[in-house]
Protein backbone atom coordinates (compact mmCIF):
# COMPACT_ATOMS: atom_id res chain seq x y z
CA MET A 1 -0.35 -0.16 0.45
CA ASN A 2 1.11 3.41 -0.73
CA PRO A 3 3.26 4.54 2.35
CA ARG A 4 1.35 7.71 2.43
CA CYS A 5 -1.98 6.04 2.78
CA VAL A 6 -0.75 3.68 5.52
CA GLY A 7 0.27 6.97 7.71
CA LEU A 8 -3.39 8.94 7.01
CA ILE A 9 -5.00 6.08 7.93
CA SER A 10 -3.08 5.22 10.78
CA TRP A 11 -4.05 8.89 12.44
CA ALA A 12 -7.36 8.59 11.70
CA ASN A 13 -7.34 4.98 13.93
CA ARG A 14 -5.70 6.71 16.15
CA VAL A 15 -7.83 9.92 16.18
CA SER A 16 -11.43 7.60 16.20
CA MET A 17 -10.41 6.03 19.28
CA ARG A 18 -10.87 9.66 21.12
CA PRO A 19 -14.13 9.18 22.77
CA PHE A 20 -15.58 13.06 21.96
CA GLU A 21 -14.39 12.81 18.45
CA ARG A 22 -15.74 8.61 17.70
CA GLU A 23 -18.70 10.07 14.87
CA SER A 24 -15.85 11.84 12.73
CA GLY A 25 -13.01 9.83 13.63
CA VAL A 26 -15.04 7.08 11.82
CA VAL A 27 -16.12 9.52 8.92
CA ALA A 28 -12.38 10.71 8.44
CA ARG A 29 -10.75 6.93 8.78
CA ARG A 30 -13.27 5.55 6.10
CA PHE A 31 -13.22 8.37 3.75
CA LEU A 32 -9.04 7.71 3.77
CA GLN A 33 -9.79 4.41 3.63
CA LEU A 34 -11.87 5.07 0.19
CA ARG A 35 -9.53 7.39 -1.11
CA CYS A 36 -6.72 4.78 -0.82
CA LEU A 37 -8.23 2.00 -2.01
CA GLY A 38 -9.12 3.94 -5.11
CA VAL A 39 -5.52 4.34 -5.69
CA LEU A 40 -4.79 0.50 -5.48
CA VAL A 41 -8.02 -0.34 -7.92
CA MET A 42 -6.26 2.08 -10.39
CA ALA A 43 -2.85 0.44 -9.70
CA THR A 44 -4.37 -2.79 -10.42
CA PRO A 45 -4.90 -4.34 -13.98
CA VAL A 46 -8.02 -5.65 -13.02
CA VAL A 47 -11.68 -4.78 -14.23
CA ILE A 48 -14.35 -4.88 -12.00
CA SER A 49 -18.14 -4.85 -12.77
CA SER A 50 -20.11 -2.08 -10.99
CA SER A 51 -22.76 -5.03 -10.69
CA SER A 52 -20.81 -7.19 -8.77
CA LEU A 53 -19.59 -4.58 -6.75
CA ALA A 54 -22.61 -3.51 -5.70
CA GLN A 55 -23.28 -7.20 -5.12
CA GLY A 56 -20.66 -6.97 -2.55
CA VAL A 57 -21.79 -4.16 -1.02
CA ASP A 58 -25.12 -5.00 0.01
CA ARG A 59 -24.25 -7.89 1.10
CA GLN A 60 -21.87 -6.10 3.73
CA HIS A 61 -25.16 -4.52 4.83
CA GLU A 62 -26.28 -7.19 7.12
CA PRO A 63 -23.41 -8.78 9.15
CA ASP A 64 -23.05 -11.88 10.42
CA SER A 65 -23.94 -11.46 13.97
CA PHE A 66 -27.48 -10.08 12.92
CA ILE A 67 -28.04 -13.35 11.18
CA ARG A 68 -26.55 -15.09 14.26
CA GLN A 69 -28.84 -13.12 16.24
CA GLN A 70 -32.14 -14.00 14.33
CA ARG A 71 -30.88 -17.38 14.84
CA ALA A 72 -30.89 -17.21 18.52
CA VAL A 73 -34.16 -15.91 18.81
CA ASP A 74 -35.72 -18.69 16.30
CA GLU A 75 -33.84 -21.53 18.39
CA ARG A 76 -35.43 -20.53 21.60
CA ILE A 77 -38.97 -20.52 20.10
CA ARG A 78 -38.27 -23.43 18.40
CA SER A 79 -37.12 -25.47 21.59
CA ARG A 80 -40.78 -24.18 23.61
CA PHE A 81 -42.70 -25.37 20.25
CA ASP A 82 -40.88 -28.86 20.66
CA GLU A 83 -41.40 -28.98 24.14
CA GLN A 84 -45.65 -28.63 23.52
CA MET A 85 -45.45 -30.37 20.51
CA ASP A 86 -44.43 -33.65 22.63
CA GLN A 87 -47.44 -32.89 24.25
CA VAL A 88 -49.82 -32.87 22.01
CA GLY A 89 -50.12 -36.23 21.24
CA ARG A 90 -50.78 -38.69 18.47
CA ALA A 91 -54.01 -36.87 16.75
CA THR A 92 -55.40 -38.56 13.31
CA PHE A 93 -54.99 -35.19 12.66
CA ASP A 94 -53.96 -31.67 14.42
CA TRP A 95 -53.29 -28.26 13.14
CA GLY A 96 -51.91 -25.47 15.26
CA GLY A 97 -49.96 -22.20 14.87
CA TRP A 98 -48.20 -19.25 17.17
CA TYR A 99 -47.82 -15.66 16.08
CA SER A 100 -44.59 -13.68 17.82
CA PHE A 101 -43.76 -10.01 18.05
CA HIS A 102 -40.19 -9.04 19.00
CA VAL A 103 -38.20 -5.53 19.66
CA PHE A 104 -34.83 -5.21 18.89
CA VAL A 105 -32.45 -2.30 20.20
CA PHE A 106 -29.15 -3.13 19.46
CA ASP A 107 -25.62 -1.55 18.82
CA ASP A 108 -23.87 -3.39 16.34
CA GLY A 109 -20.25 -1.13 16.45
CA VAL A 110 -21.28 0.85 13.56
CA GLU A 111 -24.66 2.11 14.19
CA SER A 112 -24.78 3.06 17.70
CA SER A 113 -28.66 2.40 18.35
CA ARG A 114 -30.73 0.17 15.40
CA THR A 115 -34.34 -0.42 16.40
CA LEU A 116 -36.14 -3.28 14.85
CA ARG A 117 -39.86 -5.10 15.56
CA ARG A 118 -39.82 -8.57 14.18
CA HIS A 119 -43.44 -10.53 13.79
CA ASP A 120 -43.55 -14.01 12.67
CA LEU A 121 -46.49 -15.73 11.93
CA ARG A 122 -46.36 -19.98 12.07
CA LEU A 123 -49.19 -22.67 10.57
CA TRP A 124 -48.63 -26.13 11.17
CA GLY A 125 -50.46 -29.18 10.67
CA ARG A 126 -49.72 -32.97 11.12
CA TRP A 127 -51.49 -36.15 10.04
CA VAL A 128 -50.73 -39.33 11.74
CA LEU A 129 -51.82 -42.79 10.36
CA ASP A 130 -51.95 -46.30 11.40
CA GLY A 131 -51.43 -45.42 14.95
CA GLY A 132 -47.98 -43.67 14.18
CA THR A 133 -46.34 -45.50 11.10
CA HIS A 134 -47.15 -42.63 8.98
CA GLU A 135 -46.95 -38.91 10.02
CA PHE A 136 -46.95 -36.45 7.50
CA TYR A 137 -46.08 -32.77 8.79
CA VAL A 138 -46.02 -28.92 7.20
CA ARG A 139 -44.85 -25.99 9.03
CA GLY A 140 -45.08 -22.17 6.94
CA ARG A 141 -43.43 -19.21 8.13
CA THR A 142 -44.37 -15.30 7.64
CA SER A 143 -42.21 -12.88 8.68
CA LEU A 144 -42.26 -8.60 8.85
CA LEU A 145 -39.29 -7.15 9.42
CA ASP A 146 -40.09 -2.98 10.61
CA PHE A 147 -36.81 -1.26 11.08
CA ASN A 148 -36.53 2.56 12.09
CA ALA A 149 -36.08 5.10 9.64
CA GLY A 150 -32.08 4.45 8.92
CA ASP A 151 -31.81 1.75 10.72
CA SER A 152 -31.96 -1.34 8.32
CA PHE A 153 -28.87 -2.69 6.55
CA ASP A 154 -30.30 -2.29 3.22
CA ARG A 155 -32.11 0.80 2.77
CA ASN A 156 -35.47 -1.40 2.62
CA GLU A 157 -36.85 -0.60 6.37
CA ASP A 158 -40.11 -2.51 5.49
CA ASP A 159 -39.47 -6.35 4.61
CA VAL A 160 -41.79 -9.00 4.21
CA GLU A 161 -40.42 -12.80 4.10
CA GLY A 162 -42.29 -15.28 2.85
CA PRO A 163 -44.71 -17.07 2.92
CA ASN A 164 -41.83 -19.77 3.01
CA LEU A 165 -41.97 -23.72 3.75
CA GLU A 166 -39.87 -23.64 7.48
CA ARG A 167 -40.66 -27.62 7.68
CA GLY A 168 -42.10 -30.44 5.80
CA PHE A 169 -41.98 -33.77 5.79
CA TYR A 170 -42.77 -37.26 5.63
CA ARG A 171 -41.74 -39.87 8.12
CA LEU A 172 -42.41 -43.37 8.19
CA ASN A 173 -41.85 -45.74 11.02
CA LEU A 174 -41.19 -48.90 9.74
CA THR A 175 -41.39 -50.28 13.75
CA LYS A 176 -44.59 -50.09 13.72
CA ALA A 177 -45.69 -51.24 10.22
CA TRP A 178 -44.07 -54.55 10.91
CA PRO A 179 -46.56 -56.51 12.78
CA ALA A 180 -49.01 -55.99 9.82
CA LEU A 181 -46.20 -57.07 7.25
CA ARG A 182 -44.77 -59.80 8.64
CA GLY A 183 -46.20 -60.58 12.09
CA GLY A 184 -44.66 -60.19 15.58
CA ASP A 185 -43.10 -57.55 16.75
CA SER A 186 -39.38 -56.04 15.45
CA SER A 187 -36.45 -56.22 17.45
CA TYR A 188 -35.57 -52.74 15.47
CA ASP A 189 -36.74 -49.68 15.75
CA VAL A 190 -36.55 -48.44 12.16
CA VAL A 191 -37.56 -44.47 11.17
CA ALA A 192 -37.26 -42.87 7.39
CA THR A 193 -37.67 -38.97 6.83
CA PHE A 194 -38.46 -37.39 4.00
CA GLY A 195 -38.70 -33.85 3.64
CA ARG A 196 -37.42 -30.46 5.23
CA ASP A 197 -36.64 -30.72 8.67
CA LEU A 198 -33.80 -29.80 11.42
CA VAL A 199 -30.73 -32.17 10.73
CA GLN A 200 -28.02 -32.15 13.89
CA PHE A 201 -24.99 -34.18 14.18
CA GLY A 202 -23.27 -34.42 17.75
CA THR A 203 -23.87 -31.57 20.06
CA GLY A 204 -24.67 -29.28 16.75
CA ILE A 205 -21.10 -27.78 16.28
CA ALA A 206 -20.28 -28.85 13.00
CA LEU A 207 -24.22 -29.05 11.42
CA ALA A 208 -27.35 -27.58 13.06
CA THR A 209 -29.34 -26.42 10.37
CA PRO A 210 -32.17 -27.10 8.01
CA LEU A 211 -31.85 -29.11 5.41
CA ASP A 212 -34.12 -31.01 2.19
CA HIS A 213 -32.82 -34.77 3.42
CA VAL A 214 -33.40 -37.91 3.27
CA ALA A 215 -32.16 -40.01 6.53
CA LEU A 216 -32.80 -43.23 7.71
CA ARG A 217 -32.49 -44.26 11.68
CA VAL A 218 -31.79 -47.39 13.09
CA ARG A 219 -32.20 -48.21 16.62
CA THR A 220 -31.45 -51.36 18.58
CA ASN A 221 -30.94 -51.88 22.28
CA ALA A 222 -27.85 -50.52 22.83
CA TRP A 223 -26.82 -48.77 19.33
CA GLU A 224 -28.41 -46.40 16.97
CA PHE A 225 -27.07 -45.45 13.45
CA MET A 226 -28.27 -42.43 11.41
CA GLY A 227 -27.63 -42.00 7.76
CA LEU A 228 -28.05 -38.77 5.77
CA ALA A 229 -27.96 -37.43 2.32
CA GLY A 230 -29.70 -33.62 1.96
CA LYS A 231 -28.94 -30.09 0.38
CA THR A 232 -29.03 -27.02 2.18
CA VAL A 233 -32.45 -24.81 2.07
CA GLY A 234 -32.29 -22.44 -0.82
CA SER A 235 -33.59 -19.36 0.32
CA SER A 236 -31.31 -19.77 3.55
CA ARG A 237 -28.00 -17.55 4.65
CA ASP A 238 -24.30 -19.06 3.68
CA PHE A 239 -21.32 -18.27 5.80
CA ASP A 240 -19.81 -16.95 2.95
CA LEU A 241 -21.09 -13.43 2.76
CA SER A 242 -18.68 -12.45 0.27
CA ARG A 243 -21.00 -15.03 -2.49
CA THR A 244 -22.70 -13.24 -5.27
CA ALA A 245 -25.00 -16.86 -5.37
CA LYS A 246 -28.47 -16.07 -5.57
CA ARG A 247 -29.71 -19.13 -3.68
CA LEU A 248 -27.87 -21.49 -1.51
CA ARG A 249 -26.70 -24.70 -2.94
CA ARG A 250 -24.50 -27.18 -0.43
CA ASN A 251 -24.76 -30.99 -0.74
CA PHE A 252 -24.54 -32.97 2.47
CA LEU A 253 -23.37 -36.79 2.90
CA GLY A 254 -23.36 -38.19 6.53
CA ALA A 255 -23.45 -41.05 9.24
CA GLN A 256 -23.92 -41.07 12.67
CA VAL A 257 -23.09 -44.17 15.21
CA THR A 258 -24.25 -43.50 19.08
CA TYR A 259 -23.67 -46.16 21.37
CA ARG A 260 -26.53 -46.34 24.10
CA GLY A 261 -25.76 -49.20 26.12
CA PHE A 262 -24.53 -47.31 29.12
CA GLU A 263 -26.35 -46.42 31.79
CA ARG A 264 -25.46 -42.30 31.68
CA HIS A 265 -23.16 -42.06 28.72
CA GLU A 266 -24.24 -41.96 25.01
CA PRO A 267 -20.48 -41.51 23.14
CA PHE A 268 -21.22 -40.95 19.21
CA ALA A 269 -18.81 -40.46 16.31
CA TYR A 270 -19.65 -39.27 12.70
CA ALA A 271 -18.51 -38.84 9.57
CA LEU A 272 -20.31 -35.80 7.08
CA TRP A 273 -19.44 -34.78 3.83
CA GLN A 274 -20.45 -31.27 2.47
CA ARG A 275 -19.86 -29.98 -1.47
CA ASP A 276 -20.06 -26.53 -2.51
CA HIS A 277 -22.20 -25.88 -5.60
CA ASN A 278 -23.32 -22.32 -5.54
CA ARG A 279 -23.62 -20.62 -8.77
CA GLU A 280 -22.20 -17.22 -8.86
CA ALA A 281 -24.32 -14.79 -10.21
CA PHE A 282 -21.83 -12.02 -10.99
CA TYR A 283 -17.77 -12.92 -12.44
CA GLN A 284 -15.39 -11.46 -10.70
CA PRO A 285 -12.11 -12.09 -12.53
CA PHE A 286 -9.37 -13.71 -10.87
CA GLN A 287 -11.87 -15.04 -8.47
CA LYS A 288 -12.92 -18.56 -7.82
CA TYR A 289 -15.35 -19.64 -4.98
CA ASN A 290 -15.27 -23.45 -3.70
CA TYR A 291 -15.37 -24.64 -0.36
CA ASP A 292 -15.75 -28.30 -0.21
CA SER A 293 -15.62 -29.76 3.57
CA PHE A 294 -15.36 -33.44 5.56
CA TYR A 295 -15.69 -33.15 9.22
CA LEU A 296 -15.16 -36.16 11.65
CA GLY A 297 -16.21 -35.78 14.74
CA MET A 298 -16.77 -37.82 18.50
CA GLY A 299 -17.94 -36.78 21.27
CA SER A 300 -20.32 -37.82 24.26
CA THR A 301 -23.04 -36.65 26.53
CA GLY A 302 -24.80 -37.64 29.79
CA GLU A 303 -24.77 -37.71 33.47
CA LEU A 304 -21.57 -37.41 35.26
CA THR A 305 -23.78 -37.61 38.44
CA GLU A 306 -27.39 -37.74 39.10
CA ARG A 307 -27.66 -34.27 38.86
CA LEU A 308 -24.40 -33.16 36.86
CA ARG A 309 -24.70 -33.34 33.42
CA TYR A 310 -22.70 -33.23 30.45
CA ALA A 311 -21.89 -32.56 26.29
CA ALA A 312 -18.23 -32.92 25.04
CA GLU A 313 -17.54 -33.02 21.33
CA PHE A 314 -13.91 -32.83 18.74
CA VAL A 315 -14.30 -32.30 15.38
CA TYR A 316 -11.56 -32.29 13.03
CA GLU A 317 -12.53 -30.58 9.75
CA SER A 318 -10.51 -31.35 5.84
CA GLY A 319 -10.84 -30.25 2.57
CA HIS A 320 -10.12 -27.52 0.00
CA SER A 321 -11.00 -23.79 -0.33
CA PHE A 322 -9.98 -20.92 -2.09
CA ASN A 323 -7.97 -17.96 -1.42
CA ASN A 324 -8.29 -14.07 -1.25
CA ARG A 325 -7.94 -13.54 -5.51
CA ARG A 326 -6.46 -16.64 -6.41
CA PHE A 327 -8.31 -18.87 -8.72
CA LEU A 328 -5.34 -21.14 -10.16
CA ARG A 329 -4.80 -23.60 -7.14
CA ASN A 330 -7.18 -24.16 -3.86
CA ASN A 331 -6.01 -24.44 0.01
CA ASP A 332 -5.72 -27.57 2.15
CA ILE A 333 -8.21 -27.27 5.00
CA GLU A 334 -6.93 -27.99 8.31
CA ALA A 335 -9.03 -27.09 10.96
CA TRP A 336 -10.66 -28.07 14.30
CA ALA A 337 -13.21 -27.40 17.00
CA VAL A 338 -13.86 -28.72 21.00
CA LYS A 339 -16.54 -28.02 23.14
CA ALA A 340 -17.31 -29.08 26.58
CA ASP A 341 -20.29 -28.26 28.72
CA LEU A 342 -21.12 -28.96 31.98
CA GLU A 343 -24.58 -28.26 34.23
CA TYR A 344 -25.93 -29.25 37.42
CA LEU A 345 -29.53 -29.08 38.22
CA PHE A 346 -30.28 -28.17 42.01
CA PRO A 347 -32.92 -29.74 43.71
CA GLY A 348 -35.66 -27.87 44.92
CA ALA A 349 -39.25 -26.57 43.41
CA ARG A 350 -36.67 -23.26 42.08
CA ARG A 351 -35.45 -25.61 39.88
CA ALA A 352 -31.97 -23.93 39.97
CA ARG A 353 -29.15 -24.66 37.66
CA THR A 354 -26.11 -23.28 37.04
CA SER A 355 -23.44 -24.08 33.84
CA VAL A 356 -19.95 -23.42 32.68
CA GLY A 357 -18.86 -24.12 29.42
CA TYR A 358 -15.61 -23.66 26.64
CA LEU A 359 -15.79 -23.78 23.00
CA PHE A 360 -13.25 -22.99 20.27
CA GLY A 361 -13.03 -22.83 16.46
CA SER A 362 -9.77 -23.09 15.19
CA GLY A 363 -8.50 -20.26 12.71
CA ASP A 364 -6.08 -18.86 10.36
CA SER A 365 -3.17 -16.08 10.77
CA ASP A 366 -3.65 -15.30 7.32
CA ARG A 367 -7.18 -14.22 7.20
CA ARG A 368 -7.61 -10.99 7.85
CA ASN A 369 -10.84 -9.38 6.92
CA SER A 370 -12.94 -12.98 7.68
CA PRO A 371 -12.87 -16.25 9.15
CA THR A 372 -15.56 -17.86 6.48
CA ASN A 373 -15.44 -15.57 3.45
CA THR A 374 -13.71 -16.36 0.22
CA VAL A 375 -13.09 -12.23 -0.43
CA GLY A 376 -11.15 -11.09 2.31
CA GLY A 377 -10.02 -14.24 3.60
CA ASN A 378 -7.12 -16.57 3.42
CA ARG A 379 -4.02 -14.49 1.67
CA ARG A 380 -0.40 -15.79 1.85
CA ASP A 381 -0.07 -19.35 2.21
CA PHE A 382 -2.38 -22.37 0.81
CA GLU A 383 -3.30 -23.83 3.90
CA ASP A 384 -6.55 -22.94 5.79
CA ASP A 385 -7.09 -23.27 9.36
CA SER A 386 -10.05 -21.57 9.78
CA PHE A 387 -13.25 -23.75 11.26
CA VAL A 388 -15.96 -23.51 9.40
CA SER A 389 -19.16 -25.27 9.63
CA LEU A 390 -23.21 -25.01 9.32
CA GLY A 391 -23.84 -25.87 13.38
CA TYR A 392 -24.80 -23.30 15.93
CA HIS A 393 -23.78 -22.46 19.67
CA ASP A 394 -25.09 -19.70 21.92
CA THR A 395 -22.16 -17.32 21.95
CA GLY A 396 -24.42 -14.52 23.51
CA LEU A 397 -26.74 -11.78 22.42
CA ALA A 398 -24.35 -8.16 21.80
CA LEU A 399 -21.53 -9.46 19.71
CA ALA A 400 -22.89 -12.92 18.40
CA PRO A 401 -19.72 -14.14 16.98
CA ARG A 402 -18.90 -17.25 14.93
CA TYR A 403 -16.87 -19.99 16.71
CA SER A 404 -14.10 -19.55 13.85
CA ASN A 405 -10.66 -18.29 15.43
CA LEU A 406 -12.29 -17.70 19.04
CA HIS A 407 -11.56 -19.51 22.64
CA THR A 408 -15.08 -19.05 24.11
CA TRP A 409 -15.35 -19.43 28.25
CA ARG A 410 -19.69 -19.44 29.48
CA THR A 411 -20.73 -19.63 33.17
CA GLY A 412 -24.22 -18.72 33.41
CA ALA A 413 -26.90 -19.75 35.85
CA SER A 414 -30.92 -19.43 36.12
CA PHE A 415 -33.98 -20.57 38.58
CA TYR A 416 -37.78 -19.80 39.20
CA PRO A 417 -38.05 -17.41 42.37
CA TRP A 418 -41.59 -17.63 43.11
CA PRO A 419 -42.73 -21.32 42.44
CA ASP A 420 -45.37 -21.07 45.01
CA ASP A 421 -47.36 -18.56 43.79
CA GLU A 422 -49.56 -19.02 40.59
CA ARG A 423 -49.40 -16.51 38.52
CA PHE A 424 -45.01 -16.21 38.83
CA ARG A 425 -44.67 -19.63 39.25
CA ARG A 426 -43.38 -20.04 35.76
CA LEU A 427 -41.56 -17.19 35.53
CA GLU A 428 -37.72 -17.90 34.92
CA VAL A 429 -34.73 -15.45 35.43
CA GLY A 430 -30.86 -15.67 34.68
CA THR A 431 -27.93 -14.59 33.56
CA ASP A 432 -24.91 -15.83 31.49
CA TRP A 433 -21.28 -14.58 31.09
CA TYR A 434 -18.62 -15.29 27.93
CA LEU A 435 -15.02 -14.15 27.91
CA PHE A 436 -13.97 -14.27 24.35
CA TYR A 437 -9.77 -14.53 22.86
CA LYS A 438 -8.91 -14.98 19.59
CA HIS A 439 -6.43 -18.49 18.53
CA HIS A 440 -4.62 -16.20 16.65
CA ALA A 441 -4.41 -12.62 17.10
CA GLY A 442 -3.77 -11.02 13.85
CA GLY A 443 -6.51 -13.12 12.19
CA ALA A 444 -10.13 -12.09 12.25
CA ILE A 445 -13.12 -12.87 13.91
CA SER A 446 -16.92 -13.06 12.15
CA ASP A 447 -17.18 -9.30 13.63
CA ALA A 448 -15.86 -6.92 10.88
CA THR A 449 -15.27 -4.38 13.35
CA ALA A 450 -12.66 -6.25 15.86
CA ASP A 451 -9.88 -3.98 13.11
CA VAL A 452 -6.71 -4.66 15.59
CA ALA A 453 -4.17 -7.12 15.90
CA SER A 454 -5.15 -8.61 19.52
CA GLY A 455 -6.00 -11.13 21.11
CA TYR A 456 -8.38 -10.00 24.07
CA VAL A 457 -11.59 -9.62 22.13
CA GLY A 458 -13.64 -9.03 25.03
CA TRP A 459 -16.49 -10.00 27.50
CA GLU A 460 -20.25 -10.16 27.67
CA MET A 461 -22.94 -10.47 30.25
CA ASP A 462 -26.41 -11.56 29.21
CA TYR A 463 -29.66 -11.68 31.60
CA PHE A 464 -32.74 -12.79 30.49
CA VAL A 465 -36.28 -13.26 31.74
CA ASN A 466 -38.74 -16.02 30.35
CA TRP A 467 -42.36 -15.75 31.58
CA ARG A 468 -44.79 -18.40 30.82
CA VAL A 469 -47.84 -16.11 31.51
CA ALA A 470 -50.80 -18.70 30.17
CA SER A 471 -50.84 -22.13 28.47
CA ASP A 472 -50.94 -20.28 25.40
CA PHE A 473 -48.94 -16.85 25.86
CA ALA A 474 -45.02 -16.55 26.97
CA TRP A 475 -43.29 -13.33 27.14
CA THR A 476 -39.26 -12.59 27.14
CA ALA A 477 -36.57 -10.37 28.03
CA ARG A 478 -33.49 -10.65 27.16
CA LEU A 479 -30.49 -7.94 27.98
CA GLY A 480 -26.93 -8.49 26.17
CA VAL A 481 -24.04 -5.85 27.25
CA PHE A 482 -20.65 -6.47 25.51
CA PHE A 483 -17.35 -4.88 26.12
CA PRO A 484 -14.76 -4.70 23.98
CA GLY A 485 -11.21 -5.36 24.24
CA ARG A 486 -8.04 -4.31 22.64
CA ALA A 487 -8.86 -6.24 19.24
CA PHE A 488 -11.01 -3.14 18.84
CA SER A 489 -10.26 0.43 18.05
CA ASP A 490 -13.99 1.53 19.06
CA ARG A 491 -14.28 0.48 22.64
CA THR A 492 -17.75 1.43 23.11
CA THR A 493 -20.30 -0.74 24.88
CA ARG A 494 -22.67 -2.79 22.99
CA THR A 495 -25.90 -3.21 24.20
CA PHE A 496 -28.56 -5.89 23.16
CA LEU A 497 -32.06 -5.25 24.30
CA LEU A 498 -34.85 -7.81 22.78
CA VAL A 499 -38.11 -8.17 24.56
CA GLY A 500 -41.34 -9.70 23.36
CA GLY A 501 -44.42 -12.21 23.06
CA THR A 502 -45.06 -15.63 21.36
CA TRP A 503 -49.14 -16.32 21.18
CA SER A 504 -49.97 -20.15 20.31
CA PHE A 505 -53.11 -21.49 18.92
């Protein structure tokens, strides 16, 4: 880079660290970076189309943290809905739905305050035949995202998503069909699933996402085997936000085996292949996109004592990817991840619990702008050490990072304060605290505003209140506060506030 540009950007970075000049510093720094970017573009014999450049800019307007914050809300709603569905029973035909409304007020490190109102309407139906041999299930979702003026990421302040097919599958239970076909009872539990549903391998750090798939599960007294062939839902978000593909196309093939012969432990192992079939909407010269990966995982879940639960998993990732501004030769992926959680359930009516956890995803020091993107990703060598997956794990609300190039420590607790009060007996309060540290200090994390080559990312405290007001209405409030560390030039505290409710019918 031009030495003069380097000096000017360094000066703008120092200016932006002064609290009373934060806004002017950011403007000055970005103006100088654009001027220097113009010098570099003119000095590079590469023609970039205006349409592809615009596409790249648009994709930066919705950061990865916002996508993961929305996923966190969906996961909490889904878990509550799954609990209700387990209590519904096996009626021949049943239907229902739920409407949820949430207000988000948050600081993403670029704008000090954004406000979003999100409405979700989901309708579902289930049809069960022959005593559970055949099950048909469908669930649709329509969402309205309503930003305050000037707060949206893509200048679209009112956006309707859907109606979309969120879940839809046919499930065949061959075990229940066996007496009619062969007579007598089968010693195996065999279930085949065809359609769109959530798929998870292990504890979910490699794969936990809805897929259009075919799955076969075979269970004996001591063993469970699951085979999978599927593909991503086209409208879902990719981990590589620098892609210009209009539809997500990634295929999966995998198998998992779990041993259930122990009284308190369920060890598992799996192998998973992922192949990239995305099609770029805009041609970018001297840049090829392809991320093919293979995951080999093992771990266990269960109880160490009567009230002490645990979950542990290790994943090794290999495969091939492409460097930033490379198209002739690909990288060799060499990455790994590990997770360890402990949770203790206290006796008593207050249902108190406390937990500690550690989550790690390897990183690459050559990835200076993003741990998952191709553009702005790996640069110098041909080894990509950054762990990338389609899994999900809760990493907090305010920062909401991916677990690539990151060590995450967590501790939390929750309880029901008034178990004997008829009105408040289903009200739960709790907290989670997080500490974040980079694997490679010079490498990138998923938050692009972490612009300093320092290992200390920061810490966060989250507080929540969940209240089941009635059997068909639940209310929640969540507050997250992130305190940036030395990895951020702007160390202004970030907050995330969520308030909302869900009505089931």
